[in-house]
Amino acid sequence: MKHILRSLAVAGATLVAAVGSSLSAAELNLFAWSEYVPQAVLDKFTEETGIKVNYETYDSNEEMLSKLVGGAEYDLVQPSEYVIEVMVKRGMLAPIDFAAVPNFKNLDKAYLNLPHDPEQKFSIPYMVGSVGIVVNTEKVKEPVKGYADLFSGKHAGRIVTLDDNRELLTWAFYFTGQDLNTINKDTMAKARPVLAKWLPQIKIFDSASPKTALLNGEVDLGIVWSGEAAILFQEDKKFQYVLPTEGAHLFIDSLAMPKDAPHKKEAHAFLNFILRPDISVLISADFPYTNPNVEARKLLTPEQLENPASYPAAEDAKRLHTFRDIGRAAAEIDKMITDLRGGS
């Protein structure tokens, strides 16, 4: 009898452990940009699949990388193009099983097989955008077409920009006619006096929500993410978006799976889910960047498609370029910008 009871206890414990394991596996740890993934989309995913989403946000690629290197366990992250390149080089990402993501076919091929992931093994484009100038045309009457106009000195103390050192340097590179991915002592030396003149003119540095200062009237101009500019344009047509004549950064934010992701099955389910046109269009509604999902674009309204920040004219888009991995030069950029912002 004792033998039978012991066997039943062992069997029961095994069943409980199996059920517990199944329940614990039915979750997804998502680490993504702030103000980028609608809660309604996460709720719908949980409703349809039973998979709970633990959503944590970050404000910079560097913050995300630091947490991963520090041992944090996530199932999906949302790196920009040059960071995917870094993560692939370091062996930090798991290849995606595209057989489990049939909705991958909905993506615009223009955003696939690019230098950061040439074989398209490790990433799936989520949203695409640019970094450009927003002008409150009720306050600023003269034309602002590029960095030269913005930082002419006329608008000092009325500008918000991203709080991103590489972006800041990139604008100076465009202004001085240099390649944005060729970063060395000589190219940085040419950019330094330009930034020394520009940085004191900036009132607010804000990467998380630069649109806020424009909406509340603290500033009249800014260099912001295109999705933020699109929201401003939706709020009030006085906020005009300009892709600088000198050139601008095109970013491609993708979803990727860390090598040691604990819930890979759930991660693939989520990837396929957000590529459904009916789901992808919900993301565009809340965060109106350029949607790389061509089937979802067919569901957008004419007003959404005509938003110049979300879908710039083809002629303007020719001035956009993506970032590449610059290795140790990133630390030199941080040092230079820190020195300049500190007044040294």
C-alpha atoms as a PDB file:
ATOM      1  CA  MET A   1       0.000   0.000   0.000  1.00  0.00           C
ATOM      2  CA  LYS A   2       2.851   2.361   0.903  1.00  0.00           C
ATOM      3  CA  HIS A   3       4.437   1.553  -2.453  1.00  0.00           C
ATOM      4  CA  ILE A   4       1.221   2.451  -4.277  1.00  0.00           C
ATOM      5  CA  LEU A   5       0.815   5.707  -2.335  1.00  0.00           C
ATOM      6  CA  ARG A   6       4.429   6.619  -2.994  1.00  0.00           C
ATOM      7  CA  SER A   7       3.941   5.975  -6.715  1.00  0.00           C
ATOM      8  CA  LEU A   8       0.792   8.088  -6.770  1.00  0.00           C
ATOM      9  CA  ALA A   9       2.606  10.898  -4.962  1.00  0.00           C
ATOM     10  CA  VAL A  10       5.465  10.801  -7.441  1.00  0.00           C
ATOM     11  CA  ALA A  11       3.032  10.769 -10.356  1.00  0.00           C
ATOM     12  CA  GLY A  12       1.094  13.661  -8.848  1.00  0.00           C
ATOM     13  CA  ALA A  13       4.242  15.674  -8.291  1.00  0.00           C
ATOM     14  CA  THR A  14       5.310  15.011 -11.882  1.00  0.00           C
ATOM     15  CA  LEU A  15       1.907  16.177 -13.165  1.00  0.00           C
ATOM     16  CA  VAL A  16       2.013  19.345 -11.052  1.00  0.00           C
ATOM     17  CA  ALA A  17       5.541  20.068 -12.245  1.00  0.00           C
ATOM     18  CA  ALA A  18       4.509  19.542 -15.862  1.00  0.00           C
ATOM     19  CA  VAL A  19       1.478  21.806 -15.507  1.00  0.00           C
ATOM     20  CA  GLY A  20       3.558  24.429 -13.709  1.00  0.00           C
ATOM     21  CA  SER A  21       6.180  24.275 -16.430  1.00  0.00           C
ATOM     22  CA  SER A  22       3.503  24.669 -19.088  1.00  0.00           C
ATOM     23  CA  LEU A  23       1.988  27.650 -17.315  1.00  0.00           C
ATOM     24  CA  SER A  24       5.341  29.336 -16.738  1.00  0.00           C
ATOM     25  CA  ALA A  25       6.215  28.838 -20.408  1.00  0.00           C
ATOM     26  CA  ALA A  26       3.030  30.600 -21.500  1.00  0.00           C
ATOM     27  CA  GLU A  27       4.606  34.016 -21.200  1.00  0.00           C
ATOM     28  CA  LEU A  28       6.740  36.360 -23.238  1.00  0.00           C
ATOM     29  CA  ASN A  29       9.355  38.819 -22.018  1.00  0.00           C
ATOM     30  CA  LEU A  30       9.373  41.755 -24.414  1.00  0.00           C
ATOM     31  CA  PHE A  31      11.999  44.500 -24.092  1.00  0.00           C
ATOM     32  CA  ALA A  32      11.185  47.319 -26.499  1.00  0.00           C
ATOM     33  CA  TRP A  33      11.306  51.051 -27.098  1.00  0.00           C
ATOM     34  CA  SER A  34       9.039  53.244 -25.004  1.00  0.00           C
ATOM     35  CA  GLU A  35       5.906  54.542 -26.747  1.00  0.00           C
ATOM     36  CA  TYR A  36       6.135  51.934 -29.499  1.00  0.00           C
ATOM     37  CA  VAL A  37       3.969  48.889 -28.728  1.00  0.00           C
ATOM     38  CA  PRO A  38       0.239  49.501 -28.101  1.00  0.00           C
ATOM     39  CA  GLN A  39      -1.122  47.904 -24.959  1.00  0.00           C
ATOM     40  CA  ALA A  40      -4.230  46.920 -26.917  1.00  0.00           C
ATOM     41  CA  VAL A  41      -2.072  44.787 -29.204  1.00  0.00           C
ATOM     42  CA  LEU A  42      -0.448  43.047 -26.247  1.00  0.00           C
ATOM     43  CA  ASP A  43      -3.858  42.436 -24.657  1.00  0.00           C
ATOM     44  CA  LYS A  44      -5.238  40.983 -27.883  1.00  0.00           C
ATOM     45  CA  PHE A  45      -2.244  38.667 -28.213  1.00  0.00           C
ATOM     46  CA  THR A  46      -2.827  37.375 -24.686  1.00  0.00           C
ATOM     47  CA  GLU A  47      -6.554  37.017 -25.326  1.00  0.00           C
ATOM     48  CA  GLU A  48      -5.993  34.960 -28.475  1.00  0.00           C
ATOM     49  CA  THR A  49      -3.062  32.835 -27.315  1.00  0.00           C
ATOM     50  CA  GLY A  50      -3.173  32.760 -23.522  1.00  0.00           C
ATOM     51  CA  ILE A  51       0.430  33.977 -23.495  1.00  0.00           C
ATOM     52  CA  LYS A  52       1.084  36.667 -20.919  1.00  0.00           C
ATOM     53  CA  VAL A  53       3.364  39.501 -22.117  1.00  0.00           C
ATOM     54  CA  ASN A  54       5.796  41.086 -19.694  1.00  0.00           C
ATOM     55  CA  TYR A  55       6.556  44.386 -21.427  1.00  0.00           C
ATOM     56  CA  GLU A  56       9.568  46.416 -20.325  1.00  0.00           C
ATOM     57  CA  THR A  57      10.772  49.541 -22.107  1.00  0.00           C
ATOM     58  CA  TYR A  58      14.027  51.355 -22.799  1.00  0.00           C
ATOM     59  CA  ASP A  59      14.981  54.749 -24.214  1.00  0.00           C
ATOM     60  CA  SER A  60      18.180  53.848 -26.074  1.00  0.00           C
ATOM     61  CA  ASN A  61      19.763  50.941 -27.900  1.00  0.00           C
ATOM     62  CA  GLU A  62      22.718  51.195 -25.561  1.00  0.00           C
ATOM     63  CA  GLU A  63      20.477  50.707 -22.517  1.00  0.00           C
ATOM     64  CA  MET A  64      19.023  47.577 -24.088  1.00  0.00           C
ATOM     65  CA  LEU A  65      22.455  46.155 -24.931  1.00  0.00           C
ATOM     66  CA  SER A  66      23.739  46.857 -21.453  1.00  0.00           C
ATOM     67  CA  LYS A  67      20.911  44.909 -19.813  1.00  0.00           C
ATOM     68  CA  LEU A  68      21.384  41.940 -22.130  1.00  0.00           C
ATOM     69  CA  VAL A  69      25.122  41.877 -21.515  1.00  0.00           C
ATOM     70  CA  GLY A  70      24.316  42.072 -17.806  1.00  0.00           C
ATOM     71  CA  GLY A  71      22.431  38.784 -18.004  1.00  0.00           C
ATOM     72  CA  ALA A  72      18.803  39.932 -18.255  1.00  0.00           C
ATOM     73  CA  GLU A  73      16.590  37.347 -19.954  1.00  0.00           C
ATOM     74  CA  TYR A  74      14.247  38.578 -22.673  1.00  0.00           C
ATOM     75  CA  ASP A  75      12.488  36.715 -25.458  1.00  0.00           C
ATOM     76  CA  LEU A  76      12.281  39.597 -27.918  1.00  0.00           C
ATOM     77  CA  VAL A  77      14.113  42.897 -28.173  1.00  0.00           C
ATOM     78  CA  GLN A  78      13.652  45.768 -30.595  1.00  0.00           C
ATOM     79  CA  PRO A  79      17.084  46.965 -31.779  1.00  0.00           C
ATOM     80  CA  SER A  80      17.768  49.485 -34.517  1.00  0.00           C
ATOM     81  CA  GLU A  81      19.648  48.434 -37.621  1.00  0.00           C
ATOM     82  CA  TYR A  82      23.219  49.131 -36.507  1.00  0.00           C
ATOM     83  CA  VAL A  83      22.647  47.392 -33.170  1.00  0.00           C
ATOM     84  CA  ILE A  84      21.385  44.269 -34.911  1.00  0.00           C
ATOM     85  CA  GLU A  85      24.689  44.322 -36.778  1.00  0.00           C
ATOM     86  CA  VAL A  86      26.541  44.509 -33.443  1.00  0.00           C
ATOM     87  CA  MET A  87      24.485  41.730 -31.883  1.00  0.00           C
ATOM     88  CA  VAL A  88      24.978  39.420 -34.864  1.00  0.00           C
ATOM     89  CA  LYS A  89      28.751  39.963 -34.729  1.00  0.00           C
ATOM     90  CA  ARG A  90      28.775  39.152 -31.011  1.00  0.00           C
ATOM     91  CA  GLY A  91      26.634  36.036 -31.412  1.00  0.00           C
ATOM     92  CA  MET A  92      23.903  37.493 -29.196  1.00  0.00           C
ATOM     93  CA  LEU A  93      20.910  36.583 -31.374  1.00  0.00           C
ATOM     94  CA  ALA A  94      19.136  33.334 -32.186  1.00  0.00           C
ATOM     95  CA  PRO A  95      18.158  32.712 -35.813  1.00  0.00           C
ATOM     96  CA  ILE A  96      14.451  33.039 -36.486  1.00  0.00           C
ATOM     97  CA  ASP A  97      12.504  29.990 -37.635  1.00  0.00           C
ATOM     98  CA  PHE A  98      10.649  31.615 -40.500  1.00  0.00           C
ATOM     99  CA  ALA A  99       8.509  28.509 -40.994  1.00  0.00           C
ATOM    100  CA  ALA A 100       6.848  29.551 -37.738  1.00  0.00           C
ATOM    101  CA  VAL A 101       6.308  33.098 -39.044  1.00  0.00           C
ATOM    102  CA  PRO A 102       4.311  32.707 -42.283  1.00  0.00           C
ATOM    103  CA  ASN A 103       3.119  36.317 -42.112  1.00  0.00           C
ATOM    104  CA  PHE A 104       6.695  37.368 -42.870  1.00  0.00           C
ATOM    105  CA  LYS A 105       5.538  37.380 -46.505  1.00  0.00           C
ATOM    106  CA  ASN A 106       3.636  40.621 -45.806  1.00  0.00           C
ATOM    107  CA  LEU A 107       6.795  42.709 -45.441  1.00  0.00           C
ATOM    108  CA  ASP A 108       8.085  45.191 -47.994  1.00  0.00           C
ATOM    109  CA  LYS A 109      11.219  43.684 -49.575  1.00  0.00           C
ATOM    110  CA  ALA A 110      12.809  47.143 -49.589  1.00  0.00           C
ATOM    111  CA  TYR A 111      13.501  46.669 -45.873  1.00  0.00           C
ATOM    112  CA  LEU A 112      14.895  43.132 -46.095  1.00  0.00           C
ATOM    113  CA  ASN A 113      18.420  41.751 -46.635  1.00  0.00           C
ATOM    114  CA  LEU A 114      20.050  45.065 -45.761  1.00  0.00           C
ATOM    115  CA  PRO A 115      23.664  45.351 -44.533  1.00  0.00           C
ATOM    116  CA  HIS A 116      22.794  44.888 -40.860  1.00  0.00           C
ATOM    117  CA  ASP A 117      21.207  41.458 -41.564  1.00  0.00           C
ATOM    118  CA  PRO A 118      22.129  40.574 -45.163  1.00  0.00           C
ATOM    119  CA  GLU A 119      20.770  37.014 -45.023  1.00  0.00           C
ATOM    120  CA  GLN A 120      17.669  38.120 -43.069  1.00  0.00           C
ATOM    121  CA  LYS A 121      18.256  35.419 -40.463  1.00  0.00           C
ATOM    122  CA  PHE A 122      18.016  37.306 -37.196  1.00  0.00           C
ATOM    123  CA  SER A 123      15.499  40.137 -37.447  1.00  0.00           C
ATOM    124  CA  ILE A 124      12.023  41.108 -38.587  1.00  0.00           C
ATOM    125  CA  PRO A 125      11.314  44.785 -39.372  1.00  0.00           C
ATOM    126  CA  TYR A 126       8.805  46.302 -36.974  1.00  0.00           C
ATOM    127  CA  MET A 127       8.669  49.982 -37.913  1.00  0.00           C
ATOM    128  CA  VAL A 128      10.731  52.296 -40.097  1.00  0.00           C
ATOM    129  CA  GLY A 129      11.291  55.988 -39.596  1.00  0.00           C
ATOM    130  CA  SER A 130      13.483  58.995 -40.076  1.00  0.00           C
ATOM    131  CA  VAL A 131      14.927  61.757 -37.937  1.00  0.00           C
ATOM    132  CA  GLY A 132      13.879  65.158 -39.209  1.00  0.00           C
ATOM    133  CA  ILE A 133      12.916  68.702 -38.332  1.00  0.00           C
ATOM    134  CA  VAL A 134       9.543  69.810 -36.989  1.00  0.00           C
ATOM    135  CA  VAL A 135       8.575  73.451 -37.309  1.00  0.00           C
ATOM    136  CA  ASN A 136       5.662  75.198 -35.609  1.00  0.00           C
ATOM    137  CA  THR A 137       4.726  77.340 -38.593  1.00  0.00           C
ATOM    138  CA  GLU A 138       2.531  79.633 -36.494  1.00  0.00           C
ATOM    139  CA  LYS A 139       5.620  80.718 -34.565  1.00  0.00           C
ATOM    140  CA  VAL A 140       8.341  80.381 -37.197  1.00  0.00           C
ATOM    141  CA  LYS A 141       7.558  82.208 -40.436  1.00  0.00           C
ATOM    142  CA  GLU A 142      10.872  81.940 -42.289  1.00  0.00           C
ATOM    143  CA  PRO A 143      11.675  78.706 -44.185  1.00  0.00           C
ATOM    144  CA  VAL A 144      13.557  76.013 -42.287  1.00  0.00           C
ATOM    145  CA  LYS A 145      14.837  73.473 -44.795  1.00  0.00           C
ATOM    146  CA  GLY A 146      17.839  71.992 -43.059  1.00  0.00           C
ATOM    147  CA  TYR A 147      20.338  72.092 -40.198  1.00  0.00           C
ATOM    148  CA  ALA A 148      21.851  75.349 -41.437  1.00  0.00           C
ATOM    149  CA  ASP A 149      18.487  77.102 -41.073  1.00  0.00           C
ATOM    150  CA  LEU A 150      17.615  75.464 -37.770  1.00  0.00           C
ATOM    151  CA  PHE A 151      20.916  76.329 -36.103  1.00  0.00           C
ATOM    152  CA  SER A 152      21.394  79.728 -37.723  1.00  0.00           C
ATOM    153  CA  GLY A 153      21.205  81.349 -34.283  1.00  0.00           C
ATOM    154  CA  LYS A 154      17.769  82.876 -34.890  1.00  0.00           C
ATOM    155  CA  HIS A 155      16.047  80.052 -32.989  1.00  0.00           C
ATOM    156  CA  ALA A 156      18.405  79.668 -30.040  1.00  0.00           C
ATOM    157  CA  GLY A 157      16.582  78.547 -26.901  1.00  0.00           C
ATOM    158  CA  ARG A 158      13.516  77.464 -28.884  1.00  0.00           C
ATOM    159  CA  ILE A 159      14.722  74.026 -30.008  1.00  0.00           C
ATOM    160  CA  VAL A 160      14.190  70.472 -28.726  1.00  0.00           C
ATOM    161  CA  THR A 161      16.301  67.604 -30.060  1.00  0.00           C
ATOM    162  CA  LEU A 162      16.849  63.949 -29.407  1.00  0.00           C
ATOM    163  CA  ASP A 163      19.130  63.177 -26.495  1.00  0.00           C
ATOM    164  CA  ASP A 164      21.287  60.868 -28.603  1.00  0.00           C
ATOM    165  CA  ASN A 165      24.988  61.501 -29.110  1.00  0.00           C
ATOM    166  CA  ARG A 166      25.342  59.694 -32.409  1.00  0.00           C
ATOM    167  CA  GLU A 167      22.327  61.519 -33.819  1.00  0.00           C
ATOM    168  CA  LEU A 168      23.799  64.853 -32.755  1.00  0.00           C
ATOM    169  CA  LEU A 169      27.081  64.032 -34.472  1.00  0.00           C
ATOM    170  CA  THR A 170      25.280  62.783 -37.581  1.00  0.00           C
ATOM    171  CA  TRP A 171      23.613  66.159 -38.145  1.00  0.00           C
ATOM    172  CA  ALA A 172      26.993  67.881 -38.001  1.00  0.00           C
ATOM    173  CA  PHE A 173      28.400  65.286 -40.407  1.00  0.00           C
ATOM    174  CA  TYR A 174      25.644  65.989 -42.901  1.00  0.00           C
ATOM    175  CA  PHE A 175      26.224  69.728 -42.503  1.00  0.00           C
ATOM    176  CA  THR A 176      29.957  69.326 -43.224  1.00  0.00           C
ATOM    177  CA  GLY A 177      29.350  66.962 -46.152  1.00  0.00           C
ATOM    178  CA  GLN A 178      30.771  63.840 -44.508  1.00  0.00           C
ATOM    179  CA  ASP A 179      29.642  60.210 -44.639  1.00  0.00           C
ATOM    180  CA  LEU A 180      27.633  59.476 -41.495  1.00  0.00           C
ATOM    181  CA  ASN A 181      29.306  56.084 -40.956  1.00  0.00           C
ATOM    182  CA  THR A 182      32.919  57.184 -41.469  1.00  0.00           C
ATOM    183  CA  ILE A 183      33.820  58.204 -37.953  1.00  0.00           C
ATOM    184  CA  ASN A 184      37.441  58.874 -37.042  1.00  0.00           C
ATOM    185  CA  LYS A 185      39.563  61.629 -35.517  1.00  0.00           C
ATOM    186  CA  ASP A 186      39.587  63.693 -38.716  1.00  0.00           C
ATOM    187  CA  THR A 187      35.853  63.565 -39.396  1.00  0.00           C
ATOM    188  CA  MET A 188      35.036  64.234 -35.755  1.00  0.00           C
ATOM    189  CA  ALA A 189      37.451  67.173 -35.715  1.00  0.00           C
ATOM    190  CA  LYS A 190      35.518  68.765 -38.578  1.00  0.00           C
ATOM    191  CA  ALA A 191      32.225  68.267 -36.757  1.00  0.00           C
ATOM    192  CA  ARG A 192      33.367  69.510 -33.349  1.00  0.00           C
ATOM    193  CA  PRO A 193      33.279  73.295 -34.009  1.00  0.00           C
ATOM    194  CA  VAL A 194      29.870  72.909 -35.629  1.00  0.00           C
ATOM    195  CA  LEU A 195      28.462  71.157 -32.571  1.00  0.00           C
ATOM    196  CA  ALA A 196      30.169  73.661 -30.287  1.00  0.00           C
ATOM    197  CA  LYS A 197      28.053  76.326 -31.990  1.00  0.00           C
ATOM    198  CA  TRP A 198      24.853  74.291 -32.179  1.00  0.00           C
ATOM    199  CA  LEU A 199      24.528  72.617 -28.791  1.00  0.00           C
ATOM    200  CA  PRO A 200      24.092  75.828 -26.747  1.00  0.00           C
ATOM    201  CA  GLN A 201      21.124  76.709 -28.966  1.00  0.00           C
ATOM    202  CA  ILE A 202      19.191  73.614 -27.837  1.00  0.00           C
ATOM    203  CA  LYS A 203      16.799  74.131 -24.944  1.00  0.00           C
ATOM    204  CA  ILE A 204      15.692  70.526 -24.342  1.00  0.00           C
ATOM    205  CA  PHE A 205      17.263  67.148 -25.066  1.00  0.00           C
ATOM    206  CA  ASP A 206      14.584  64.424 -25.056  1.00  0.00           C
ATOM    207  CA  SER A 207      14.589  61.094 -26.874  1.00  0.00           C
ATOM    208  CA  ALA A 208      11.581  59.581 -25.081  1.00  0.00           C
ATOM    209  CA  SER A 209       8.906  62.118 -26.090  1.00  0.00           C
ATOM    210  CA  PRO A 210      10.330  65.180 -27.867  1.00  0.00           C
ATOM    211  CA  LYS A 211       6.876  66.054 -29.190  1.00  0.00           C
ATOM    212  CA  THR A 212       5.765  67.044 -25.689  1.00  0.00           C
ATOM    213  CA  ALA A 213       7.791  70.252 -25.580  1.00  0.00           C
ATOM    214  CA  LEU A 214       6.426  71.254 -28.992  1.00  0.00           C
ATOM    215  CA  LEU A 215       2.835  70.522 -28.030  1.00  0.00           C
ATOM    216  CA  ASN A 216       2.984  72.506 -24.797  1.00  0.00           C
ATOM    217  CA  GLY A 217       4.683  75.480 -26.454  1.00  0.00           C
ATOM    218  CA  GLU A 218       8.022  75.278 -24.612  1.00  0.00           C
ATOM    219  CA  VAL A 219       9.795  75.260 -27.982  1.00  0.00           C
ATOM    220  CA  ASP A 220       8.932  76.053 -31.589  1.00  0.00           C
ATOM    221  CA  LEU A 221      11.257  73.753 -33.514  1.00  0.00           C
ATOM    222  CA  GLY A 222      12.839  70.363 -33.030  1.00  0.00           C
ATOM    223  CA  ILE A 223      14.692  67.406 -34.438  1.00  0.00           C
ATOM    224  CA  VAL A 224      12.568  64.381 -33.613  1.00  0.00           C
ATOM    225  CA  TRP A 225      11.620  60.842 -34.560  1.00  0.00           C
ATOM    226  CA  SER A 226       9.270  60.824 -37.554  1.00  0.00           C
ATOM    227  CA  GLY A 227       6.542  59.006 -35.612  1.00  0.00           C
ATOM    228  CA  GLU A 228       6.535  61.806 -33.051  1.00  0.00           C
ATOM    229  CA  ALA A 229       6.329  64.313 -35.905  1.00  0.00           C
ATOM    230  CA  ALA A 230       3.432  62.378 -37.433  1.00  0.00           C
ATOM    231  CA  ILE A 231       1.492  62.584 -34.164  1.00  0.00           C
ATOM    232  CA  LEU A 232       2.152  66.324 -34.001  1.00  0.00           C
ATOM    233  CA  PHE A 233       0.861  66.716 -37.568  1.00  0.00           C
ATOM    234  CA  GLN A 234      -2.271  64.761 -36.650  1.00  0.00           C
ATOM    235  CA  GLU A 235      -2.815  67.057 -33.674  1.00  0.00           C
ATOM    236  CA  ASP A 236      -2.321  70.272 -35.605  1.00  0.00           C
ATOM    237  CA  LYS A 237      -1.234  70.875 -39.210  1.00  0.00           C
ATOM    238  CA  LYS A 238       0.856  73.837 -38.035  1.00  0.00           C
ATOM    239  CA  PHE A 239       3.543  71.289 -37.122  1.00  0.00           C
ATOM    240  CA  GLN A 240       5.309  70.694 -40.409  1.00  0.00           C
ATOM    241  CA  TYR A 241       7.895  67.930 -40.893  1.00  0.00           C
ATOM    242  CA  VAL A 242      10.998  68.573 -42.957  1.00  0.00           C
ATOM    243  CA  LEU A 243      13.635  66.081 -44.066  1.00  0.00           C
ATOM    244  CA  PRO A 244      16.815  68.205 -43.983  1.00  0.00           C
ATOM    245  CA  THR A 245      18.237  69.122 -47.361  1.00  0.00           C
ATOM    246  CA  GLU A 246      21.660  67.966 -46.179  1.00  0.00           C
ATOM    247  CA  GLY A 247      20.412  64.436 -45.398  1.00  0.00           C
ATOM    248  CA  ALA A 248      18.862  62.466 -42.534  1.00  0.00           C
ATOM    249  CA  HIS A 249      18.982  59.156 -40.720  1.00  0.00           C
ATOM    250  CA  LEU A 250      16.673  56.321 -41.790  1.00  0.00           C
ATOM    251  CA  PHE A 251      16.182  53.883 -38.934  1.00  0.00           C
ATOM    252  CA  ILE A 252      14.769  50.385 -39.150  1.00  0.00           C
ATOM    253  CA  ASP A 253      13.655  49.052 -35.791  1.00  0.00           C
ATOM    254  CA  SER A 254      13.211  45.300 -35.842  1.00  0.00           C
ATOM    255  CA  LEU A 255      12.247  42.514 -33.498  1.00  0.00           C
ATOM    256  CA  ALA A 256      14.996  40.028 -32.713  1.00  0.00           C
ATOM    257  CA  MET A 257      15.362  37.065 -30.379  1.00  0.00           C
ATOM    258  CA  PRO A 258      18.278  36.908 -27.913  1.00  0.00           C
ATOM    259  CA  LYS A 259      20.312  33.709 -28.132  1.00  0.00           C
ATOM    260  CA  ASP A 260      19.247  32.527 -24.683  1.00  0.00           C
ATOM    261  CA  ALA A 261      15.592  33.570 -24.914  1.00  0.00           C
ATOM    262  CA  PRO A 262      13.686  31.273 -22.523  1.00  0.00           C
ATOM    263  CA  HIS A 263      10.414  31.296 -24.494  1.00  0.00           C
ATOM    264  CA  LYS A 264      11.303  30.937 -28.168  1.00  0.00           C
ATOM    265  CA  LYS A 265       8.019  29.275 -29.149  1.00  0.00           C
ATOM    266  CA  GLU A 266       6.060  32.176 -27.666  1.00  0.00           C
ATOM    267  CA  ALA A 267       8.409  34.656 -29.336  1.00  0.00           C
ATOM    268  CA  HIS A 268       7.703  33.167 -32.764  1.00  0.00           C
ATOM    269  CA  ALA A 269       3.977  33.277 -32.049  1.00  0.00           C
ATOM    270  CA  PHE A 270       4.231  36.971 -31.248  1.00  0.00           C
ATOM    271  CA  LEU A 271       6.291  37.705 -34.369  1.00  0.00           C
ATOM    272  CA  ASN A 272       3.676  36.081 -36.564  1.00  0.00           C
ATOM    273  CA  PHE A 273       0.875  37.840 -34.682  1.00  0.00           C
ATOM    274  CA  ILE A 274       2.193  41.385 -35.133  1.00  0.00           C
ATOM    275  CA  LEU A 275       2.744  40.752 -38.853  1.00  0.00           C
ATOM    276  CA  ARG A 276      -0.944  40.105 -39.372  1.00  0.00           C
ATOM    277  CA  PRO A 277      -2.295  43.091 -41.343  1.00  0.00           C
ATOM    278  CA  ASP A 278      -5.191  43.649 -38.940  1.00  0.00           C
ATOM    279  CA  ILE A 279      -2.747  43.802 -36.010  1.00  0.00           C
ATOM    280  CA  SER A 280      -0.022  45.758 -37.755  1.00  0.00           C
ATOM    281  CA  VAL A 281      -2.497  48.469 -38.712  1.00  0.00           C
ATOM    282  CA  LEU A 282      -3.351  48.906 -35.016  1.00  0.00           C
ATOM    283  CA  ILE A 283       0.304  49.645 -34.324  1.00  0.00           C
ATOM    284  CA  SER A 284       0.326  52.282 -37.063  1.00  0.00           C
ATOM    285  CA  ALA A 285      -2.774  53.897 -35.594  1.00  0.00           C
ATOM    286  CA  ASP A 286      -1.029  54.540 -32.270  1.00  0.00           C
ATOM    287  CA  PHE A 287       2.527  54.981 -33.520  1.00  0.00           C
ATOM    288  CA  PRO A 288       2.420  56.363 -37.064  1.00  0.00           C
ATOM    289  CA  TYR A 289       5.892  55.541 -38.315  1.00  0.00           C
ATOM    290  CA  THR A 290       6.412  54.050 -41.796  1.00  0.00           C
ATOM    291  CA  ASN A 291       4.848  50.610 -41.673  1.00  0.00           C
ATOM    292  CA  PRO A 292       7.004  48.037 -43.525  1.00  0.00           C
ATOM    293  CA  ASN A 293       3.993  45.702 -43.747  1.00  0.00           C
ATOM    294  CA  VAL A 294       2.608  46.271 -47.252  1.00  0.00           C
ATOM    295  CA  GLU A 295      -0.606  44.374 -46.532  1.00  0.00           C
ATOM    296  CA  ALA A 296      -1.252  46.502 -43.446  1.00  0.00           C
ATOM    297  CA  ARG A 297      -0.672  49.663 -45.462  1.00  0.00           C
ATOM    298  CA  LYS A 298      -3.638  48.695 -47.635  1.00  0.00           C
ATOM    299  CA  LEU A 299      -5.818  49.088 -44.526  1.00  0.00           C
ATOM    300  CA  LEU A 300      -4.585  52.592 -43.674  1.00  0.00           C
ATOM    301  CA  THR A 301      -6.771  55.611 -44.362  1.00  0.00           C
ATOM    302  CA  PRO A 302      -5.831  58.154 -47.043  1.00  0.00           C
ATOM    303  CA  GLU A 303      -5.151  60.650 -44.252  1.00  0.00           C
ATOM    304  CA  GLN A 304      -2.647  58.281 -42.647  1.00  0.00           C
ATOM    305  CA  LEU A 305      -0.879  57.611 -45.932  1.00  0.00           C
ATOM    306  CA  GLU A 306      -0.723  61.330 -46.704  1.00  0.00           C
ATOM    307  CA  ASN A 307       0.994  62.218 -43.433  1.00  0.00           C
ATOM    308  CA  PRO A 308       4.384  63.541 -44.649  1.00  0.00           C
ATOM    309  CA  ALA A 309       6.185  62.360 -41.538  1.00  0.00           C
ATOM    310  CA  SER A 310       4.909  58.797 -41.873  1.00  0.00           C
ATOM    311  CA  TYR A 311       5.290  58.455 -45.620  1.00  0.00           C
ATOM    312  CA  PRO A 312       7.653  61.077 -47.070  1.00  0.00           C
ATOM    313  CA  ALA A 313       7.741  61.850 -50.776  1.00  0.00           C
ATOM    314  CA  ALA A 314      10.004  59.511 -52.762  1.00  0.00           C
ATOM    315  CA  GLU A 315      12.232  62.421 -53.756  1.00  0.00           C
ATOM    316  CA  ASP A 316      12.772  63.387 -50.119  1.00  0.00           C
ATOM    317  CA  ALA A 317      13.391  59.777 -49.087  1.00  0.00           C
ATOM    318  CA  LYS A 318      16.459  59.668 -51.335  1.00  0.00           C
ATOM    319  CA  ARG A 319      18.273  61.754 -48.703  1.00  0.00           C
ATOM    320  CA  LEU A 320      17.867  59.065 -46.036  1.00  0.00           C
ATOM    321  CA  HIS A 321      20.655  56.724 -44.937  1.00  0.00           C
ATOM    322  CA  THR A 322      20.954  53.955 -42.342  1.00  0.00           C
ATOM    323  CA  PHE A 323      23.506  53.645 -39.559  1.00  0.00           C
ATOM    324  CA  ARG A 324      26.222  50.973 -39.531  1.00  0.00           C
ATOM    325  CA  ASP A 325      28.124  49.554 -36.596  1.00  0.00           C
ATOM    326  CA  ILE A 326      30.992  51.928 -35.753  1.00  0.00           C
ATOM    327  CA  GLY A 327      32.587  49.871 -32.991  1.00  0.00           C
ATOM    328  CA  ARG A 328      34.758  51.709 -30.494  1.00  0.00           C
ATOM    329  CA  ALA A 329      34.118  55.059 -32.158  1.00  0.00           C
ATOM    330  CA  ALA A 330      30.854  55.217 -30.207  1.00  0.00           C
ATOM    331  CA  ALA A 331      32.813  55.832 -27.009  1.00  0.00           C
ATOM    332  CA  GLU A 332      34.747  58.657 -28.680  1.00  0.00           C
ATOM    333  CA  ILE A 333      31.475  60.245 -29.780  1.00  0.00           C
ATOM    334  CA  ASP A 334      30.119  60.082 -26.237  1.00  0.00           C
ATOM    335  CA  LYS A 335      33.277  61.672 -24.871  1.00  0.00           C
ATOM    336  CA  MET A 336      33.232  64.524 -27.377  1.00  0.00           C
ATOM    337  CA  ILE A 337      29.551  65.328 -26.906  1.00  0.00           C
ATOM    338  CA  THR A 338      29.858  65.123 -23.128  1.00  0.00           C
ATOM    339  CA  ASP A 339      32.791  67.515 -23.241  1.00  0.00           C
ATOM    340  CA  LEU A 340      30.888  69.958 -25.461  1.00  0.00           C
ATOM    341  CA  ARG A 341      27.709  69.832 -23.404  1.00  0.00           C
ATOM    342  CA  GLY A 342      29.772  70.378 -20.289  1.00  0.00           C
ATOM    343  CA  GLY A 343      31.256  73.504 -21.826  1.00  0.00           C
ATOM    344  CA  SER A 344      34.792  72.167 -22.075  1.00  0.00           C
END
